Structure formats: C-alpha cells, structure tokens
Amino acid sequence: IKNYILDEDKIHAQIQENKKKPKKQSKFQARMKQMMEQAEQQKQMQQKRKK
C-alpha cells in the first residue's frame, strides 16, 4: 500500500525545492534583529568615545 499511495521521490523533490526558498522572518525575529543591530551601534559609539 505504501508504494502505491506515497511517492517518496516526489515528496523528497518537494522538500528540496522548499529548502531553496528564502525563509520569511516572523515579526518577533525582525524586531530582535533590529534591537541587536541598535545595541551593536551603541557599543561602537561608546568605544569611539573612550578613545
């Protein structure tokens, strides 16, 4: 039954195709990335002030 119903090659090809697509970031991930970039900029500004 498994061989007639499930085409493993077709499923595997679909999975490989989906891996190539860029992943969308959730809103939470986008906000976290933005906050990390801002923190990095502030850190760099503080280091410039110390010199």
C-alpha atoms as a PDB file:
ATOM      1  CA  ILE A   1       0.000   0.000   0.000  1.00  0.00           C
ATOM      2  CA  LYS A   2       2.827   2.384   0.894  1.00  0.00           C
ATOM      3  CA  ASN A   3       4.391   2.099  -2.564  1.00  0.00           C
ATOM      4  CA  TYR A   4       1.132   2.865  -4.339  1.00  0.00           C
ATOM      5  CA  ILE A   5      -0.031   5.777  -2.221  1.00  0.00           C
ATOM      6  CA  LEU A   6       3.193   7.561  -1.238  1.00  0.00           C
ATOM      7  CA  ASP A   7       5.621   8.589  -3.942  1.00  0.00           C
ATOM      8  CA  GLU A   8       8.771   9.147  -1.875  1.00  0.00           C
ATOM      9  CA  ASP A   9      10.755  10.624  -4.764  1.00  0.00           C
ATOM     10  CA  LYS A  10       8.077  13.222  -5.389  1.00  0.00           C
ATOM     11  CA  ILE A  11       7.912  14.134  -1.703  1.00  0.00           C
ATOM     12  CA  HIS A  12      11.712  14.347  -1.478  1.00  0.00           C
ATOM     13  CA  ALA A  13      11.844  16.620  -4.548  1.00  0.00           C
ATOM     14  CA  GLN A  14       9.222  18.911  -2.996  1.00  0.00           C
ATOM     15  CA  ILE A  15      11.201  19.134   0.248  1.00  0.00           C
ATOM     16  CA  GLN A  16      14.401  20.012  -1.634  1.00  0.00           C
ATOM     17  CA  GLU A  17      12.545  22.690  -3.603  1.00  0.00           C
ATOM     18  CA  ASN A  18      11.171  24.209  -0.398  1.00  0.00           C
ATOM     19  CA  LYS A  19      14.660  24.388   1.116  1.00  0.00           C
ATOM     20  CA  LYS A  20      15.767  26.691  -1.720  1.00  0.00           C
ATOM     21  CA  LYS A  21      13.106  29.276  -0.958  1.00  0.00           C
ATOM     22  CA  PRO A  22      14.135  32.092   1.390  1.00  0.00           C
ATOM     23  CA  LYS A  23      12.507  31.854   4.781  1.00  0.00           C
ATOM     24  CA  LYS A  24      10.333  34.698   5.970  1.00  0.00           C
ATOM     25  CA  GLN A  25      11.183  36.203   9.332  1.00  0.00           C
ATOM     26  CA  SER A  26       8.482  36.493  11.894  1.00  0.00           C
ATOM     27  CA  LYS A  27       7.788  39.922  13.341  1.00  0.00           C
ATOM     28  CA  PHE A  28       9.466  38.882  16.569  1.00  0.00           C
ATOM     29  CA  GLN A  29      12.631  37.810  14.753  1.00  0.00           C
ATOM     30  CA  ALA A  30      12.711  41.069  12.788  1.00  0.00           C
ATOM     31  CA  ARG A  31      12.383  43.124  15.983  1.00  0.00           C
ATOM     32  CA  MET A  32      15.082  41.103  17.725  1.00  0.00           C
ATOM     33  CA  LYS A  33      17.444  41.588  14.778  1.00  0.00           C
ATOM     34  CA  GLN A  34      16.788  45.324  14.766  1.00  0.00           C
ATOM     35  CA  MET A  35      17.377  45.575  18.529  1.00  0.00           C
ATOM     36  CA  MET A  36      20.648  43.636  18.209  1.00  0.00           C
ATOM     37  CA  GLU A  37      21.848  45.991  15.466  1.00  0.00           C
ATOM     38  CA  GLN A  38      20.987  49.035  17.574  1.00  0.00           C
ATOM     39  CA  ALA A  39      22.820  47.576  20.556  1.00  0.00           C
ATOM     40  CA  GLU A  40      25.865  46.939  18.384  1.00  0.00           C
ATOM     41  CA  GLN A  41      25.808  50.529  17.105  1.00  0.00           C
ATOM     42  CA  GLN A  42      25.594  51.892  20.644  1.00  0.00           C
ATOM     43  CA  LYS A  43      28.502  49.698  21.694  1.00  0.00           C
ATOM     44  CA  GLN A  44      30.598  51.029  18.827  1.00  0.00           C
ATOM     45  CA  MET A  45      29.714  54.628  19.704  1.00  0.00           C
ATOM     46  CA  GLN A  46      30.775  54.064  23.312  1.00  0.00           C
ATOM     47  CA  GLN A  47      34.089  52.601  22.177  1.00  0.00           C
ATOM     48  CA  LYS A  48      34.720  55.652  19.963  1.00  0.00           C
ATOM     49  CA  ARG A  49      34.026  57.979  22.909  1.00  0.00           C
ATOM     50  CA  LYS A  50      36.518  56.131  25.116  1.00  0.00           C
ATOM     51  CA  LYS A  51      39.332  56.706  22.605  1.00  0.00           C
END
